[in-house]
Amino acid sequence: MPGPRSTLSALAAAFVLAATAVPASAAEEAGRDAAGDVRSRGVSVDTVPRHPEPQRRIGDIVRYGATYDAALVVTTKFRDLTARGHQEFTWFLRTSQDEFEWYVALIVPPGKNRGTFTLIDPDANELDCGRAVLDRAARTVTLRVPASCLRDPAWVRVAHGARVYAGGREFSDDARRDTVKAAGWTYGPQVGQ
């Protein structure tokens, strides 16, 4: 019969394993981003956008949601999505089976309601199997990529944000932070089937 010391050792080992385990995948993720957390910089400046722009409404993310089953669907809601300025909506995807990330973008020229969609896999192949839809009336941008296009991973993690270029400035908002990182956006948890 094991003594108290071996029982404590077993419990301690179980605790360490539980604390270091990868978080379980959820079928969906949803969250809010603080309104008024847009940051800016001059377009010719090679630094992170740091200047607070609390009055900036266009491109200011306020809510997002992601689901993953037959397809990855990410919907991002904005305070304002008026067709002013050059607008870029970008996503980075990490999957259970890829070492490197996927890059996705919707680039919309000033005054337009449609743009150019790009989906690049971790091997730098440009794929033609996803889409992003801009809905100005609903103030949303929705990304949809079939699971088969992503090579049917068990889970996906999503990082996304928006940049609007106007008046010689870049206005940026990360969906999950009240600041903008030096490179890329902040990843959310695993979303799985």
C-alpha atoms as a PDB file:
ATOM      1  CA  MET A   1       0.000   0.000   0.000  1.00  0.00           C
ATOM      2  CA  PRO A   2       1.480   3.363  -0.957  1.00  0.00           C
ATOM      3  CA  GLY A   3       2.407   5.641   1.879  1.00  0.00           C
ATOM      4  CA  PRO A   4       1.407   9.299   2.265  1.00  0.00           C
ATOM      5  CA  ARG A   5       4.641  10.460   0.631  1.00  0.00           C
ATOM      6  CA  SER A   6       3.992   8.528  -2.628  1.00  0.00           C
ATOM      7  CA  THR A   7       0.369   9.734  -2.687  1.00  0.00           C
ATOM      8  CA  LEU A   8       1.562  13.341  -2.348  1.00  0.00           C
ATOM      9  CA  SER A   9       4.150  12.768  -5.073  1.00  0.00           C
ATOM     10  CA  ALA A  10       1.471  11.360  -7.391  1.00  0.00           C
ATOM     11  CA  LEU A  11      -0.837  14.316  -6.686  1.00  0.00           C
ATOM     12  CA  ALA A  12       1.999  16.800  -7.259  1.00  0.00           C
ATOM     13  CA  ALA A  13       2.882  15.117 -10.568  1.00  0.00           C
ATOM     14  CA  ALA A  14      -0.772  15.181 -11.665  1.00  0.00           C
ATOM     15  CA  PHE A  15      -0.991  18.874 -10.776  1.00  0.00           C
ATOM     16  CA  VAL A  16       2.145  19.697 -12.796  1.00  0.00           C
ATOM     17  CA  LEU A  17       0.826  17.792 -15.821  1.00  0.00           C
ATOM     18  CA  ALA A  18      -2.565  19.513 -15.598  1.00  0.00           C
ATOM     19  CA  ALA A  19      -0.964  22.943 -15.243  1.00  0.00           C
ATOM     20  CA  THR A  20       1.271  22.474 -18.288  1.00  0.00           C
ATOM     21  CA  ALA A  21      -1.275  20.781 -20.569  1.00  0.00           C
ATOM     22  CA  VAL A  22      -2.358  22.505 -23.753  1.00  0.00           C
ATOM     23  CA  PRO A  23      -5.762  24.158 -23.258  1.00  0.00           C
ATOM     24  CA  ALA A  24      -8.676  22.173 -24.612  1.00  0.00           C
ATOM     25  CA  SER A  25     -10.215  23.290 -27.868  1.00  0.00           C
ATOM     26  CA  ALA A  26     -13.628  24.922 -27.814  1.00  0.00           C
ATOM     27  CA  ALA A  27     -16.047  24.930 -30.726  1.00  0.00           C
ATOM     28  CA  GLU A  28     -16.191  28.713 -30.655  1.00  0.00           C
ATOM     29  CA  GLU A  29     -14.583  31.833 -29.233  1.00  0.00           C
ATOM     30  CA  ALA A  30     -16.146  35.255 -28.711  1.00  0.00           C
ATOM     31  CA  GLY A  31     -14.918  38.430 -27.121  1.00  0.00           C
ATOM     32  CA  ARG A  32     -15.006  42.184 -26.926  1.00  0.00           C
ATOM     33  CA  ASP A  33     -12.309  44.681 -27.732  1.00  0.00           C
ATOM     34  CA  ALA A  34     -12.257  48.031 -25.969  1.00  0.00           C
ATOM     35  CA  ALA A  35     -13.781  50.878 -27.981  1.00  0.00           C
ATOM     36  CA  GLY A  36     -11.417  53.783 -28.533  1.00  0.00           C
ATOM     37  CA  ASP A  37      -8.200  51.730 -28.474  1.00  0.00           C
ATOM     38  CA  VAL A  38      -6.976  52.559 -32.001  1.00  0.00           C
ATOM     39  CA  ARG A  39      -3.288  53.515 -32.224  1.00  0.00           C
ATOM     40  CA  SER A  40      -1.633  55.475 -35.031  1.00  0.00           C
ATOM     41  CA  ARG A  41       1.680  56.376 -36.597  1.00  0.00           C
ATOM     42  CA  GLY A  42       2.827  58.289 -39.659  1.00  0.00           C
ATOM     43  CA  VAL A  43       2.942  56.137 -42.796  1.00  0.00           C
ATOM     44  CA  SER A  44       6.637  56.899 -43.294  1.00  0.00           C
ATOM     45  CA  VAL A  45       7.558  56.047 -39.680  1.00  0.00           C
ATOM     46  CA  ASP A  46       9.096  52.616 -39.079  1.00  0.00           C
ATOM     47  CA  THR A  47       7.862  52.064 -35.524  1.00  0.00           C
ATOM     48  CA  VAL A  48       4.879  50.403 -33.878  1.00  0.00           C
ATOM     49  CA  PRO A  49       1.696  52.536 -33.942  1.00  0.00           C
ATOM     50  CA  ARG A  50       1.682  53.959 -30.409  1.00  0.00           C
ATOM     51  CA  HIS A  51      -0.188  57.255 -30.563  1.00  0.00           C
ATOM     52  CA  PRO A  52      -3.634  56.791 -28.898  1.00  0.00           C
ATOM     53  CA  GLU A  53      -6.581  57.758 -31.097  1.00  0.00           C
ATOM     54  CA  PRO A  54      -9.608  57.398 -28.756  1.00  0.00           C
ATOM     55  CA  GLN A  55     -11.856  59.464 -31.046  1.00  0.00           C
ATOM     56  CA  ARG A  56     -11.044  57.353 -34.107  1.00  0.00           C
ATOM     57  CA  ARG A  57     -14.125  55.277 -34.953  1.00  0.00           C
ATOM     58  CA  ILE A  58     -13.355  53.909 -38.430  1.00  0.00           C
ATOM     59  CA  GLY A  59     -11.576  50.566 -38.072  1.00  0.00           C
ATOM     60  CA  ASP A  60     -12.094  50.416 -34.290  1.00  0.00           C
ATOM     61  CA  ILE A  61     -12.900  46.783 -33.443  1.00  0.00           C
ATOM     62  CA  VAL A  62     -15.495  46.282 -30.703  1.00  0.00           C
ATOM     63  CA  ARG A  63     -16.439  42.583 -30.910  1.00  0.00           C
ATOM     64  CA  TYR A  64     -15.335  39.361 -32.575  1.00  0.00           C
ATOM     65  CA  GLY A  65     -16.292  35.723 -32.763  1.00  0.00           C
ATOM     66  CA  ALA A  66     -14.743  32.592 -34.259  1.00  0.00           C
ATOM     67  CA  THR A  67     -16.160  29.132 -34.889  1.00  0.00           C
ATOM     68  CA  TYR A  68     -14.519  26.097 -36.424  1.00  0.00           C
ATOM     69  CA  ASP A  69     -16.210  22.921 -37.654  1.00  0.00           C
ATOM     70  CA  ALA A  70     -16.786  22.407 -41.391  1.00  0.00           C
ATOM     71  CA  ALA A  71     -15.220  25.848 -41.870  1.00  0.00           C
ATOM     72  CA  LEU A  72     -13.361  28.466 -39.886  1.00  0.00           C
ATOM     73  CA  VAL A  73     -15.625  31.521 -39.618  1.00  0.00           C
ATOM     74  CA  VAL A  74     -14.360  34.717 -37.977  1.00  0.00           C
ATOM     75  CA  THR A  75     -16.658  37.733 -37.715  1.00  0.00           C
ATOM     76  CA  THR A  76     -15.300  41.089 -36.585  1.00  0.00           C
ATOM     77  CA  LYS A  77     -17.582  44.021 -35.687  1.00  0.00           C
ATOM     78  CA  PHE A  78     -16.442  47.655 -35.804  1.00  0.00           C
ATOM     79  CA  ARG A  79     -17.658  50.924 -34.284  1.00  0.00           C
ATOM     80  CA  ASP A  80     -17.626  52.392 -37.785  1.00  0.00           C
ATOM     81  CA  LEU A  81     -16.834  50.826 -41.134  1.00  0.00           C
ATOM     82  CA  THR A  82     -17.428  53.771 -43.447  1.00  0.00           C
ATOM     83  CA  ALA A  83     -15.722  53.556 -46.856  1.00  0.00           C
ATOM     84  CA  ARG A  84     -13.044  56.140 -46.072  1.00  0.00           C
ATOM     85  CA  GLY A  85      -9.339  55.524 -46.372  1.00  0.00           C
ATOM     86  CA  HIS A  86      -7.435  52.480 -47.594  1.00  0.00           C
ATOM     87  CA  GLN A  87      -8.545  49.569 -45.365  1.00  0.00           C
ATOM     88  CA  GLU A  88      -6.691  46.341 -44.598  1.00  0.00           C
ATOM     89  CA  PHE A  89      -8.198  43.474 -42.613  1.00  0.00           C
ATOM     90  CA  THR A  90      -5.686  40.738 -41.800  1.00  0.00           C
ATOM     91  CA  TRP A  91      -5.743  37.384 -40.037  1.00  0.00           C
ATOM     92  CA  PHE A  92      -2.960  35.026 -38.994  1.00  0.00           C
ATOM     93  CA  LEU A  93      -3.889  31.394 -38.396  1.00  0.00           C
ATOM     94  CA  ARG A  94      -2.035  28.706 -36.473  1.00  0.00           C
ATOM     95  CA  THR A  95      -3.257  25.142 -36.834  1.00  0.00           C
ATOM     96  CA  SER A  96      -2.682  21.877 -35.013  1.00  0.00           C
ATOM     97  CA  GLN A  97      -0.656  20.505 -37.900  1.00  0.00           C
ATOM     98  CA  ASP A  98       1.348  23.436 -39.272  1.00  0.00           C
ATOM     99  CA  GLU A  99       4.640  24.669 -37.862  1.00  0.00           C
ATOM    100  CA  PHE A 100       4.237  28.102 -39.447  1.00  0.00           C
ATOM    101  CA  GLU A 101       1.242  30.414 -39.679  1.00  0.00           C
ATOM    102  CA  TRP A 102      -1.247  31.074 -42.461  1.00  0.00           C
ATOM    103  CA  TYR A 103      -1.684  34.657 -43.736  1.00  0.00           C
ATOM    104  CA  VAL A 104      -5.066  36.015 -44.808  1.00  0.00           C
ATOM    105  CA  ALA A 105      -5.946  39.543 -45.956  1.00  0.00           C
ATOM    106  CA  LEU A 106      -8.757  41.603 -47.416  1.00  0.00           C
ATOM    107  CA  ILE A 107      -7.427  44.852 -48.917  1.00  0.00           C
ATOM    108  CA  VAL A 108     -10.106  47.455 -49.733  1.00  0.00           C
ATOM    109  CA  PRO A 109      -9.265  50.645 -51.673  1.00  0.00           C
ATOM    110  CA  PRO A 110     -10.699  54.004 -50.538  1.00  0.00           C
ATOM    111  CA  GLY A 111     -14.409  54.441 -51.278  1.00  0.00           C
ATOM    112  CA  LYS A 112     -14.951  50.781 -52.261  1.00  0.00           C
ATOM    113  CA  ASN A 113     -17.096  48.052 -50.702  1.00  0.00           C
ATOM    114  CA  ARG A 114     -15.093  45.164 -52.122  1.00  0.00           C
ATOM    115  CA  GLY A 115     -11.437  44.378 -52.143  1.00  0.00           C
ATOM    116  CA  THR A 116      -8.750  41.850 -52.950  1.00  0.00           C
ATOM    117  CA  PHE A 117      -8.728  38.642 -50.907  1.00  0.00           C
ATOM    118  CA  THR A 118      -5.481  36.746 -50.279  1.00  0.00           C
ATOM    119  CA  LEU A 119      -4.987  33.393 -48.516  1.00  0.00           C
ATOM    120  CA  ILE A 120      -1.428  32.054 -48.207  1.00  0.00           C
ATOM    121  CA  ASP A 121      -0.617  28.722 -46.550  1.00  0.00           C
ATOM    122  CA  PRO A 122       2.527  28.069 -44.445  1.00  0.00           C
ATOM    123  CA  ASP A 123       4.348  26.819 -47.579  1.00  0.00           C
ATOM    124  CA  ALA A 124       3.786  30.213 -49.286  1.00  0.00           C
ATOM    125  CA  ASN A 125       1.157  28.849 -51.693  1.00  0.00           C
ATOM    126  CA  GLU A 126      -1.615  31.299 -52.557  1.00  0.00           C
ATOM    127  CA  LEU A 127      -4.894  29.413 -52.326  1.00  0.00           C
ATOM    128  CA  ASP A 128      -8.292  30.112 -53.867  1.00  0.00           C
ATOM    129  CA  CYS A 129     -10.558  28.419 -51.335  1.00  0.00           C
ATOM    130  CA  GLY A 130     -11.628  31.056 -48.805  1.00  0.00           C
ATOM    131  CA  ARG A 131     -13.309  34.442 -48.790  1.00  0.00           C
ATOM    132  CA  ALA A 132     -13.867  37.528 -46.686  1.00  0.00           C
ATOM    133  CA  VAL A 133     -17.049  39.579 -46.888  1.00  0.00           C
ATOM    134  CA  LEU A 134     -17.255  43.243 -45.938  1.00  0.00           C
ATOM    135  CA  ASP A 135     -20.722  44.380 -44.808  1.00  0.00           C
ATOM    136  CA  ARG A 136     -20.644  48.139 -44.274  1.00  0.00           C
ATOM    137  CA  ALA A 137     -24.278  48.341 -43.068  1.00  0.00           C
ATOM    138  CA  ALA A 138     -23.689  45.705 -40.358  1.00  0.00           C
ATOM    139  CA  ARG A 139     -20.177  47.099 -39.672  1.00  0.00           C
ATOM    140  CA  THR A 140     -18.673  43.617 -39.985  1.00  0.00           C
ATOM    141  CA  VAL A 141     -15.993  41.726 -41.866  1.00  0.00           C
ATOM    142  CA  THR A 142     -16.446  37.956 -41.984  1.00  0.00           C
ATOM    143  CA  LEU A 143     -13.713  35.491 -42.926  1.00  0.00           C
ATOM    144  CA  ARG A 144     -14.722  31.990 -44.036  1.00  0.00           C
ATOM    145  CA  VAL A 145     -12.185  29.254 -44.852  1.00  0.00           C
ATOM    146  CA  PRO A 146     -13.343  25.638 -45.306  1.00  0.00           C
ATOM    147  CA  ALA A 147     -11.671  23.117 -42.991  1.00  0.00           C
ATOM    148  CA  SER A 148     -10.605  21.137 -46.065  1.00  0.00           C
ATOM    149  CA  CYS A 149      -8.756  24.209 -47.358  1.00  0.00           C
ATOM    150  CA  LEU A 150      -6.863  24.345 -44.037  1.00  0.00           C
ATOM    151  CA  ARG A 151      -6.082  20.601 -44.450  1.00  0.00           C
ATOM    152  CA  ASP A 152      -8.612  19.610 -41.754  1.00  0.00           C
ATOM    153  CA  PRO A 153      -6.635  20.475 -38.607  1.00  0.00           C
ATOM    154  CA  ALA A 154      -7.994  19.485 -35.190  1.00  0.00           C
ATOM    155  CA  TRP A 155      -7.895  23.128 -34.054  1.00  0.00           C
ATOM    156  CA  VAL A 156      -7.125  26.653 -35.252  1.00  0.00           C
ATOM    157  CA  ARG A 157      -5.915  29.736 -33.369  1.00  0.00           C
ATOM    158  CA  VAL A 158      -6.770  33.130 -34.852  1.00  0.00           C
ATOM    159  CA  ALA A 159      -5.068  36.519 -34.597  1.00  0.00           C
ATOM    160  CA  HIS A 160      -6.666  39.446 -36.420  1.00  0.00           C
ATOM    161  CA  GLY A 161      -6.870  43.182 -36.681  1.00  0.00           C
ATOM    162  CA  ALA A 162      -7.470  46.140 -38.971  1.00  0.00           C
ATOM    163  CA  ARG A 163      -5.447  48.990 -40.410  1.00  0.00           C
ATOM    164  CA  VAL A 164      -6.867  52.105 -42.045  1.00  0.00           C
ATOM    165  CA  TYR A 165      -4.598  54.500 -43.953  1.00  0.00           C
ATOM    166  CA  ALA A 166      -5.809  58.094 -44.250  1.00  0.00           C
ATOM    167  CA  GLY A 167      -4.299  61.578 -44.094  1.00  0.00           C
ATOM    168  CA  GLY A 168      -0.723  60.284 -44.089  1.00  0.00           C
ATOM    169  CA  ARG A 169      -1.345  58.110 -41.023  1.00  0.00           C
ATOM    170  CA  GLU A 170      -1.831  54.415 -40.284  1.00  0.00           C
ATOM    171  CA  PHE A 171      -4.581  53.663 -37.755  1.00  0.00           C
ATOM    172  CA  SER A 172      -4.358  50.137 -36.283  1.00  0.00           C
ATOM    173  CA  ASP A 173      -6.495  48.046 -33.958  1.00  0.00           C
ATOM    174  CA  ASP A 174      -5.762  44.533 -32.680  1.00  0.00           C
ATOM    175  CA  ALA A 175      -8.970  42.592 -31.948  1.00  0.00           C
ATOM    176  CA  ARG A 176      -7.629  41.293 -28.625  1.00  0.00           C
ATOM    177  CA  ARG A 177      -5.498  44.093 -27.211  1.00  0.00           C
ATOM    178  CA  ASP A 178      -5.749  47.753 -26.381  1.00  0.00           C
ATOM    179  CA  THR A 179      -2.306  48.257 -27.940  1.00  0.00           C
ATOM    180  CA  VAL A 180      -0.630  47.071 -31.138  1.00  0.00           C
ATOM    181  CA  LYS A 181       2.314  44.668 -31.004  1.00  0.00           C
ATOM    182  CA  ALA A 182       5.534  45.122 -32.956  1.00  0.00           C
ATOM    183  CA  ALA A 183       4.621  42.323 -35.364  1.00  0.00           C
ATOM    184  CA  GLY A 184       1.325  40.644 -36.089  1.00  0.00           C
ATOM    185  CA  TRP A 185      -1.791  40.458 -33.968  1.00  0.00           C
ATOM    186  CA  THR A 186      -2.540  38.677 -30.681  1.00  0.00           C
ATOM    187  CA  TYR A 187      -3.631  35.043 -30.924  1.00  0.00           C
ATOM    188  CA  GLY A 188      -6.777  33.740 -29.268  1.00  0.00           C
ATOM    189  CA  PRO A 189      -7.264  30.262 -27.827  1.00  0.00           C
ATOM    190  CA  GLN A 190      -7.611  27.079 -29.848  1.00  0.00           C
ATOM    191  CA  VAL A 191     -10.949  26.739 -31.598  1.00  0.00           C
ATOM    192  CA  GLY A 192     -11.613  23.114 -32.502  1.00  0.00           C
ATOM    193  CA  GLN A 193     -14.053  20.685 -34.004  1.00  0.00           C
END
